[in-house]
């Protein structure tokens, strides 16, 4: 059974675009164009995830989120053109599980949807299936001879253990969980270092370089690929 998502977005063209992309991935989708209608739909129905704009007519997104958190808490990703730190903090404090700033690449939004559904134990997309779905349920992710076990916190290549730091492990795990989806540096930074990280912005590139040294260079493979100007991806083997 596919996950059911609610989009609350007053820009109808954007809402329709997101709806089409989500349906293409196998999700069920319901839309609302103002805060009050979004609140009503979310209160009266059971959704697996909500995509919620902050600047909405009728009732702003943060107020919708606050009310829902008291009566019908549902994992929510905020969509907004406002990228100030305090706006992000306010959204997360109100109960959002993630935050994406407009304009965004649809690939990044789809990746965040997948991660949010997985982290919060919700149903996956309808087109997830076969061995990949079974492997993900067990917390084991593979690529060629590489095997990552999130429960044991171990990574092996052809049975040989690879010593990774916690952040290297999280980076690799995130990329493997989202095969074929290009993840931006911001997405990887938030996953690996947290929203409150303060430091060098090139830290993602540093950890990718460490992983390439320990895996690609050590075993003669090319696993993590760079998408210039966007981020990184691990592609499924053909």
C-alpha atoms as a PDB file:
ATOM      1  CA  UNK A   1       0.000   0.000   0.000  1.00  0.00           C
ATOM      2  CA  UNK A   2       1.412   3.361  -1.039  1.00  0.00           C
ATOM      3  CA  UNK A   3       2.017   6.198   1.382  1.00  0.00           C
ATOM      4  CA  UNK A   4      -0.633   8.954   1.339  1.00  0.00           C
ATOM      5  CA  UNK A   5       0.752  12.507   1.322  1.00  0.00           C
ATOM      6  CA  UNK A   6      -0.990  15.832   1.845  1.00  0.00           C
ATOM      7  CA  UNK A   7       0.328  18.912   0.021  1.00  0.00           C
ATOM      8  CA  UNK A   8      -0.719  22.259   1.509  1.00  0.00           C
ATOM      9  CA  UNK A   9       0.557  24.887  -0.920  1.00  0.00           C
ATOM     10  CA  UNK A  10      -1.170  28.034  -2.214  1.00  0.00           C
ATOM     11  CA  UNK A  11       0.866  28.203  -5.444  1.00  0.00           C
ATOM     12  CA  UNK A  12      -1.383  25.946  -7.509  1.00  0.00           C
ATOM     13  CA  UNK A  13       1.119  25.326 -10.316  1.00  0.00           C
ATOM     14  CA  UNK A  14       3.784  24.292  -7.821  1.00  0.00           C
ATOM     15  CA  UNK A  15       1.338  22.104  -5.933  1.00  0.00           C
ATOM     16  CA  UNK A  16       0.304  20.395  -9.174  1.00  0.00           C
ATOM     17  CA  UNK A  17       3.928  19.862 -10.202  1.00  0.00           C
ATOM     18  CA  UNK A  18       4.793  18.272  -6.851  1.00  0.00           C
ATOM     19  CA  UNK A  19       1.632  16.164  -7.033  1.00  0.00           C
ATOM     20  CA  UNK A  20       2.558  14.773 -10.461  1.00  0.00           C
ATOM     21  CA  UNK A  21       6.105  13.938  -9.367  1.00  0.00           C
ATOM     22  CA  UNK A  22       4.892  12.202  -6.201  1.00  0.00           C
ATOM     23  CA  UNK A  23       2.287  10.206  -8.094  1.00  0.00           C
ATOM     24  CA  UNK A  24       4.955   9.179 -10.586  1.00  0.00           C
ATOM     25  CA  UNK A  25       6.900   7.749  -7.619  1.00  0.00           C
ATOM     26  CA  UNK A  26       3.847   5.745  -6.580  1.00  0.00           C
ATOM     27  CA  UNK A  27       2.447   7.870  -3.742  1.00  0.00           C
ATOM     28  CA  UNK A  28      -1.189   8.820  -3.175  1.00  0.00           C
ATOM     29  CA  UNK A  29      -1.633  12.596  -3.001  1.00  0.00           C
ATOM     30  CA  UNK A  30      -4.247  15.044  -1.684  1.00  0.00           C
ATOM     31  CA  UNK A  31      -3.922  18.828  -2.090  1.00  0.00           C
ATOM     32  CA  UNK A  32      -5.103  21.917  -0.234  1.00  0.00           C
ATOM     33  CA  UNK A  33      -4.484  25.538  -1.222  1.00  0.00           C
ATOM     34  CA  UNK A  34      -4.946  27.342   2.112  1.00  0.00           C
ATOM     35  CA  UNK A  35      -4.153  26.752   5.765  1.00  0.00           C
ATOM     36  CA  UNK A  36      -7.669  26.179   7.042  1.00  0.00           C
ATOM     37  CA  UNK A  37      -8.476  23.580   4.389  1.00  0.00           C
ATOM     38  CA  UNK A  38      -5.135  21.904   5.024  1.00  0.00           C
ATOM     39  CA  UNK A  39      -5.829  21.775   8.748  1.00  0.00           C
ATOM     40  CA  UNK A  40      -9.298  20.319   8.146  1.00  0.00           C
ATOM     41  CA  UNK A  41      -8.018  17.621   5.806  1.00  0.00           C
ATOM     42  CA  UNK A  42      -5.130  16.704   8.102  1.00  0.00           C
ATOM     43  CA  UNK A  43      -7.433  16.562  11.140  1.00  0.00           C
ATOM     44  CA  UNK A  44     -10.115  14.455   9.449  1.00  0.00           C
ATOM     45  CA  UNK A  45      -7.834  12.014   7.635  1.00  0.00           C
ATOM     46  CA  UNK A  46      -4.791   9.846   8.264  1.00  0.00           C
ATOM     47  CA  UNK A  47      -1.794  10.905   6.174  1.00  0.00           C
ATOM     48  CA  UNK A  48       1.689   9.412   6.238  1.00  0.00           C
ATOM     49  CA  UNK A  49       3.410  12.738   5.534  1.00  0.00           C
ATOM     50  CA  UNK A  50       2.465  16.396   5.043  1.00  0.00           C
ATOM     51  CA  UNK A  51       4.260  18.871   2.767  1.00  0.00           C
ATOM     52  CA  UNK A  52       3.326  22.232   4.257  1.00  0.00           C
ATOM     53  CA  UNK A  53       4.030  25.724   2.970  1.00  0.00           C
ATOM     54  CA  UNK A  54       4.578  28.357   5.675  1.00  0.00           C
ATOM     55  CA  UNK A  55       3.162  31.427   3.905  1.00  0.00           C
ATOM     56  CA  UNK A  56      -0.459  30.348   3.443  1.00  0.00           C
ATOM     57  CA  UNK A  57      -3.721  32.321   3.230  1.00  0.00           C
ATOM     58  CA  UNK A  58      -6.293  31.788   5.953  1.00  0.00           C
ATOM     59  CA  UNK A  59      -3.915  30.220   8.459  1.00  0.00           C
ATOM     60  CA  UNK A  60      -0.138  30.205   8.194  1.00  0.00           C
ATOM     61  CA  UNK A  61       1.753  26.942   8.055  1.00  0.00           C
ATOM     62  CA  UNK A  62       3.370  27.257  11.480  1.00  0.00           C
ATOM     63  CA  UNK A  63      -0.025  27.678  13.131  1.00  0.00           C
ATOM     64  CA  UNK A  64      -1.380  24.689  11.199  1.00  0.00           C
ATOM     65  CA  UNK A  65       1.597  22.674  12.401  1.00  0.00           C
ATOM     66  CA  UNK A  66       1.164  23.736  16.023  1.00  0.00           C
ATOM     67  CA  UNK A  67      -2.517  22.779  16.041  1.00  0.00           C
ATOM     68  CA  UNK A  68      -1.871  19.437  14.379  1.00  0.00           C
ATOM     69  CA  UNK A  69       0.893  18.565  16.833  1.00  0.00           C
ATOM     70  CA  UNK A  70      -1.666  18.758  19.645  1.00  0.00           C
ATOM     71  CA  UNK A  71      -4.384  16.657  18.031  1.00  0.00           C
ATOM     72  CA  UNK A  72      -3.102  14.679  15.062  1.00  0.00           C
ATOM     73  CA  UNK A  73       0.715  14.722  14.867  1.00  0.00           C
ATOM     74  CA  UNK A  74       1.898  13.693  11.409  1.00  0.00           C
ATOM     75  CA  UNK A  75       5.483  13.905  10.059  1.00  0.00           C
ATOM     76  CA  UNK A  76       5.677  17.244   8.262  1.00  0.00           C
ATOM     77  CA  UNK A  77       8.181  18.775   5.851  1.00  0.00           C
ATOM     78  CA  UNK A  78       7.960  22.563   5.600  1.00  0.00           C
ATOM     79  CA  UNK A  79       8.161  24.255   2.198  1.00  0.00           C
ATOM     80  CA  UNK A  80       9.035  27.941   2.211  1.00  0.00           C
ATOM     81  CA  UNK A  81      10.859  30.749   0.470  1.00  0.00           C
ATOM     82  CA  UNK A  82      12.133  31.996   3.826  1.00  0.00           C
ATOM     83  CA  UNK A  83      15.560  30.617   4.683  1.00  0.00           C
ATOM     84  CA  UNK A  84      16.552  32.598   7.784  1.00  0.00           C
ATOM     85  CA  UNK A  85      17.888  30.477  10.638  1.00  0.00           C
ATOM     86  CA  UNK A  86      15.116  31.595  13.018  1.00  0.00           C
ATOM     87  CA  UNK A  87      12.458  30.556  10.487  1.00  0.00           C
ATOM     88  CA  UNK A  88      13.986  27.086  10.389  1.00  0.00           C
ATOM     89  CA  UNK A  89      14.204  26.951  14.176  1.00  0.00           C
ATOM     90  CA  UNK A  90      10.570  28.054  14.535  1.00  0.00           C
ATOM     91  CA  UNK A  91       9.426  25.357  12.127  1.00  0.00           C
ATOM     92  CA  UNK A  92      11.394  22.611  13.817  1.00  0.00           C
ATOM     93  CA  UNK A  93      10.281  23.746  17.275  1.00  0.00           C
ATOM     94  CA  UNK A  94       6.675  23.616  16.061  1.00  0.00           C
ATOM     95  CA  UNK A  95       7.114  19.955  15.198  1.00  0.00           C
ATOM     96  CA  UNK A  96       8.383  19.735  11.612  1.00  0.00           C
ATOM     97  CA  UNK A  97      10.698  16.817  10.823  1.00  0.00           C
ATOM     98  CA  UNK A  98      12.412  18.580   7.924  1.00  0.00           C
ATOM     99  CA  UNK A  99      12.615  21.898   6.087  1.00  0.00           C
ATOM    100  CA  UNK A 100      13.294  22.686   2.425  1.00  0.00           C
ATOM    101  CA  UNK A 101      13.726  26.148   0.944  1.00  0.00           C
ATOM    102  CA  UNK A 102      12.213  27.264  -2.364  1.00  0.00           C
ATOM    103  CA  UNK A 103      13.259  27.012  -5.077  1.00  0.00           C
ATOM    104  CA  UNK A 104      14.309  23.399  -4.662  1.00  0.00           C
ATOM    105  CA  UNK A 105      15.224  20.549  -6.979  1.00  0.00           C
ATOM    106  CA  UNK A 106      12.415  17.993  -7.125  1.00  0.00           C
ATOM    107  CA  UNK A 107      14.988  15.224  -6.699  1.00  0.00           C
ATOM    108  CA  UNK A 108      15.951  16.684  -3.342  1.00  0.00           C
ATOM    109  CA  UNK A 109      12.328  16.930  -2.209  1.00  0.00           C
ATOM    110  CA  UNK A 110      11.670  13.306  -3.216  1.00  0.00           C
ATOM    111  CA  UNK A 111      14.767  12.217  -1.289  1.00  0.00           C
ATOM    112  CA  UNK A 112      13.613  14.063   1.820  1.00  0.00           C
ATOM    113  CA  UNK A 113      10.164  12.487   1.505  1.00  0.00           C
ATOM    114  CA  UNK A 114      11.681   9.015   1.346  1.00  0.00           C
ATOM    115  CA  UNK A 115      13.943   9.653   4.327  1.00  0.00           C
ATOM    116  CA  UNK A 116      11.100  11.133   6.416  1.00  0.00           C
ATOM    117  CA  UNK A 117       8.805   8.192   5.680  1.00  0.00           C
ATOM    118  CA  UNK A 118      11.533   5.705   6.506  1.00  0.00           C
ATOM    119  CA  UNK A 119      12.662   7.422   9.696  1.00  0.00           C
ATOM    120  CA  UNK A 120       9.122   7.697  11.014  1.00  0.00           C
ATOM    121  CA  UNK A 121       8.070   4.158  10.178  1.00  0.00           C
ATOM    122  CA  UNK A 122       5.528   5.137   7.559  1.00  0.00           C
ATOM    123  CA  UNK A 123       4.548   3.188   4.436  1.00  0.00           C
ATOM    124  CA  UNK A 124       6.912   3.461   1.515  1.00  0.00           C
ATOM    125  CA  UNK A 125       6.235   4.327  -2.103  1.00  0.00           C
ATOM    126  CA  UNK A 126       4.326   1.807  -4.163  1.00  0.00           C
ATOM    127  CA  UNK A 127       7.225   1.212  -6.534  1.00  0.00           C
ATOM    128  CA  UNK A 128       9.598   0.018  -3.818  1.00  0.00           C
ATOM    129  CA  UNK A 129       9.810  -3.722  -4.102  1.00  0.00           C
ATOM    130  CA  UNK A 130      11.769  -6.926  -4.380  1.00  0.00           C
ATOM    131  CA  UNK A 131      15.118  -7.430  -2.748  1.00  0.00           C
ATOM    132  CA  UNK A 132      15.765  -3.730  -2.189  1.00  0.00           C
ATOM    133  CA  UNK A 133      12.646  -3.362  -0.024  1.00  0.00           C
ATOM    134  CA  UNK A 134      13.450  -6.482   1.981  1.00  0.00           C
ATOM    135  CA  UNK A 135      17.014  -5.330   2.477  1.00  0.00           C
ATOM    136  CA  UNK A 136      15.918  -1.868   3.634  1.00  0.00           C
ATOM    137  CA  UNK A 137      13.496  -3.389   6.150  1.00  0.00           C
ATOM    138  CA  UNK A 138      16.337  -5.358   7.692  1.00  0.00           C
ATOM    139  CA  UNK A 139      18.535  -2.278   7.877  1.00  0.00           C
ATOM    140  CA  UNK A 140      21.038  -3.766   5.437  1.00  0.00           C
ATOM    141  CA  UNK A 141      22.102  -1.858   2.322  1.00  0.00           C
ATOM    142  CA  UNK A 142      24.336  -3.202  -0.421  1.00  0.00           C
ATOM    143  CA  UNK A 143      26.217  -2.000  -3.461  1.00  0.00           C
ATOM    144  CA  UNK A 144      28.192  -4.624  -5.318  1.00  0.00           C
ATOM    145  CA  UNK A 145      30.446  -6.341  -2.791  1.00  0.00           C
ATOM    146  CA  UNK A 146      29.836  -3.615  -0.199  1.00  0.00           C
ATOM    147  CA  UNK A 147      27.442  -4.319   2.659  1.00  0.00           C
ATOM    148  CA  UNK A 148      26.297  -1.810   5.314  1.00  0.00           C
ATOM    149  CA  UNK A 149      24.437  -3.091   8.385  1.00  0.00           C
ATOM    150  CA  UNK A 150      22.886  -0.204  10.320  1.00  0.00           C
ATOM    151  CA  UNK A 151      21.970  -2.346  13.330  1.00  0.00           C
ATOM    152  CA  UNK A 152      25.496  -3.673  13.771  1.00  0.00           C
ATOM    153  CA  UNK A 153      26.969  -0.321  12.658  1.00  0.00           C
ATOM    154  CA  UNK A 154      29.403  -2.107  10.384  1.00  0.00           C
ATOM    155  CA  UNK A 155      30.510  -1.846   6.768  1.00  0.00           C
ATOM    156  CA  UNK A 156      32.237  -4.641   4.867  1.00  0.00           C
ATOM    157  CA  UNK A 157      33.594  -5.079   1.353  1.00  0.00           C
ATOM    158  CA  UNK A 158      33.957  -8.698   0.248  1.00  0.00           C
ATOM    159  CA  UNK A 159      33.734  -9.617   3.919  1.00  0.00           C
ATOM    160  CA  UNK A 160      36.571  -7.247   4.865  1.00  0.00           C
ATOM    161  CA  UNK A 161      35.633  -4.731   7.570  1.00  0.00           C
ATOM    162  CA  UNK A 162      35.986  -1.029   6.828  1.00  0.00           C
ATOM    163  CA  UNK A 163      36.567   1.256   9.811  1.00  0.00           C
ATOM    164  CA  UNK A 164      34.401   4.366   9.504  1.00  0.00           C
ATOM    165  CA  UNK A 165      33.804   7.244  11.870  1.00  0.00           C
ATOM    166  CA  UNK A 166      30.207   7.926  12.916  1.00  0.00           C
ATOM    167  CA  UNK A 167      29.802  10.753  10.406  1.00  0.00           C
ATOM    168  CA  UNK A 168      31.358   8.730   7.591  1.00  0.00           C
ATOM    169  CA  UNK A 169      28.929   5.900   8.399  1.00  0.00           C
ATOM    170  CA  UNK A 170      25.924   8.280   8.367  1.00  0.00           C
ATOM    171  CA  UNK A 171      27.062   9.780   5.058  1.00  0.00           C
ATOM    172  CA  UNK A 172      27.396   6.375   3.409  1.00  0.00           C
ATOM    173  CA  UNK A 173      24.137   5.123   4.932  1.00  0.00           C
ATOM    174  CA  UNK A 174      22.204   8.153   3.638  1.00  0.00           C
ATOM    175  CA  UNK A 175      23.582   7.775   0.127  1.00  0.00           C
ATOM    176  CA  UNK A 176      22.831   4.040   0.053  1.00  0.00           C
ATOM    177  CA  UNK A 177      19.282   4.616   1.336  1.00  0.00           C
ATOM    178  CA  UNK A 178      18.688   6.979  -1.577  1.00  0.00           C
ATOM    179  CA  UNK A 179      20.262   5.177  -4.532  1.00  0.00           C
ATOM    180  CA  UNK A 180      19.852   6.972  -7.859  1.00  0.00           C
ATOM    181  CA  UNK A 181      18.742  10.187  -6.120  1.00  0.00           C
ATOM    182  CA  UNK A 182      21.146  13.103  -6.219  1.00  0.00           C
ATOM    183  CA  UNK A 183      21.434  14.504  -2.693  1.00  0.00           C
ATOM    184  CA  UNK A 184      22.517  18.109  -2.279  1.00  0.00           C
ATOM    185  CA  UNK A 185      25.349  19.071   0.029  1.00  0.00           C
ATOM    186  CA  UNK A 186      22.835  20.822   2.299  1.00  0.00           C
ATOM    187  CA  UNK A 187      20.764  17.650   2.614  1.00  0.00           C
ATOM    188  CA  UNK A 188      23.832  15.575   3.458  1.00  0.00           C
ATOM    189  CA  UNK A 189      25.121  18.225   5.863  1.00  0.00           C
ATOM    190  CA  UNK A 190      21.834  18.268   7.799  1.00  0.00           C
ATOM    191  CA  UNK A 191      21.694  14.466   7.949  1.00  0.00           C
ATOM    192  CA  UNK A 192      25.285  13.966   9.018  1.00  0.00           C
ATOM    193  CA  UNK A 193      25.963  17.030  11.162  1.00  0.00           C
ATOM    194  CA  UNK A 194      22.486  18.183  12.197  1.00  0.00           C
ATOM    195  CA  UNK A 195      20.551  21.408  11.647  1.00  0.00           C
ATOM    196  CA  UNK A 196      22.528  23.238  14.311  1.00  0.00           C
ATOM    197  CA  UNK A 197      25.957  22.528  12.807  1.00  0.00           C
ATOM    198  CA  UNK A 198      28.226  25.547  12.704  1.00  0.00           C
ATOM    199  CA  UNK A 199      31.484  25.092  10.827  1.00  0.00           C
ATOM    200  CA  UNK A 200      33.075  24.760   7.414  1.00  0.00           C
ATOM    201  CA  UNK A 201      30.517  24.399   4.622  1.00  0.00           C
ATOM    202  CA  UNK A 202      32.790  22.041   2.674  1.00  0.00           C
ATOM    203  CA  UNK A 203      32.633  19.380   5.394  1.00  0.00           C
ATOM    204  CA  UNK A 204      30.467  17.169   3.128  1.00  0.00           C
ATOM    205  CA  UNK A 205      33.176  17.139   0.457  1.00  0.00           C
ATOM    206  CA  UNK A 206      35.729  16.239   3.122  1.00  0.00           C
ATOM    207  CA  UNK A 207      33.751  13.196   4.293  1.00  0.00           C
ATOM    208  CA  UNK A 208      33.100  12.079   0.724  1.00  0.00           C
ATOM    209  CA  UNK A 209      36.834  12.239   0.128  1.00  0.00           C
ATOM    210  CA  UNK A 210      37.444  10.109   3.237  1.00  0.00           C
ATOM    211  CA  UNK A 211      34.906   7.531   2.016  1.00  0.00           C
ATOM    212  CA  UNK A 212      36.484   7.415  -1.429  1.00  0.00           C
ATOM    213  CA  UNK A 213      39.879   6.822   0.128  1.00  0.00           C
ATOM    214  CA  UNK A 214      38.614   3.986   2.329  1.00  0.00           C
ATOM    215  CA  UNK A 215      36.367   2.340  -0.273  1.00  0.00           C
ATOM    216  CA  UNK A 216      36.911   3.478  -3.871  1.00  0.00           C
ATOM    217  CA  UNK A 217      40.706   3.730  -3.703  1.00  0.00           C
ATOM    218  CA  UNK A 218      41.132   0.724  -1.403  1.00  0.00           C
ATOM    219  CA  UNK A 219      39.020  -1.667  -3.483  1.00  0.00           C
ATOM    220  CA  UNK A 220      39.325  -0.229  -6.982  1.00  0.00           C
ATOM    221  CA  UNK A 221      35.692   0.814  -7.421  1.00  0.00           C
ATOM    222  CA  UNK A 222      33.839   4.040  -8.236  1.00  0.00           C
ATOM    223  CA  UNK A 223      30.856   4.145  -5.901  1.00  0.00           C
ATOM    224  CA  UNK A 224      30.073   7.754  -4.952  1.00  0.00           C
ATOM    225  CA  UNK A 225      29.579   9.966  -7.989  1.00  0.00           C
ATOM    226  CA  UNK A 226      29.734  13.748  -8.056  1.00  0.00           C
ATOM    227  CA  UNK A 227      26.971  15.709  -9.786  1.00  0.00           C
ATOM    228  CA  UNK A 228      28.609  19.033 -10.464  1.00  0.00           C
ATOM    229  CA  UNK A 229      26.871  21.977  -8.857  1.00  0.00           C
ATOM    230  CA  UNK A 230      24.342  19.769  -7.062  1.00  0.00           C
ATOM    231  CA  UNK A 231      25.789  17.095  -4.792  1.00  0.00           C
ATOM    232  CA  UNK A 232      26.458  13.360  -4.706  1.00  0.00           C
ATOM    233  CA  UNK A 233      24.769  10.089  -5.660  1.00  0.00           C
ATOM    234  CA  UNK A 234      25.302   6.334  -5.489  1.00  0.00           C
ATOM    235  CA  UNK A 235      23.759   4.767  -8.567  1.00  0.00           C
ATOM    236  CA  UNK A 236      22.277   1.278  -8.678  1.00  0.00           C
ATOM    237  CA  UNK A 237      24.433  -1.200 -10.479  1.00  0.00           C
ATOM    238  CA  UNK A 238      23.290  -2.088 -13.966  1.00  0.00           C
END
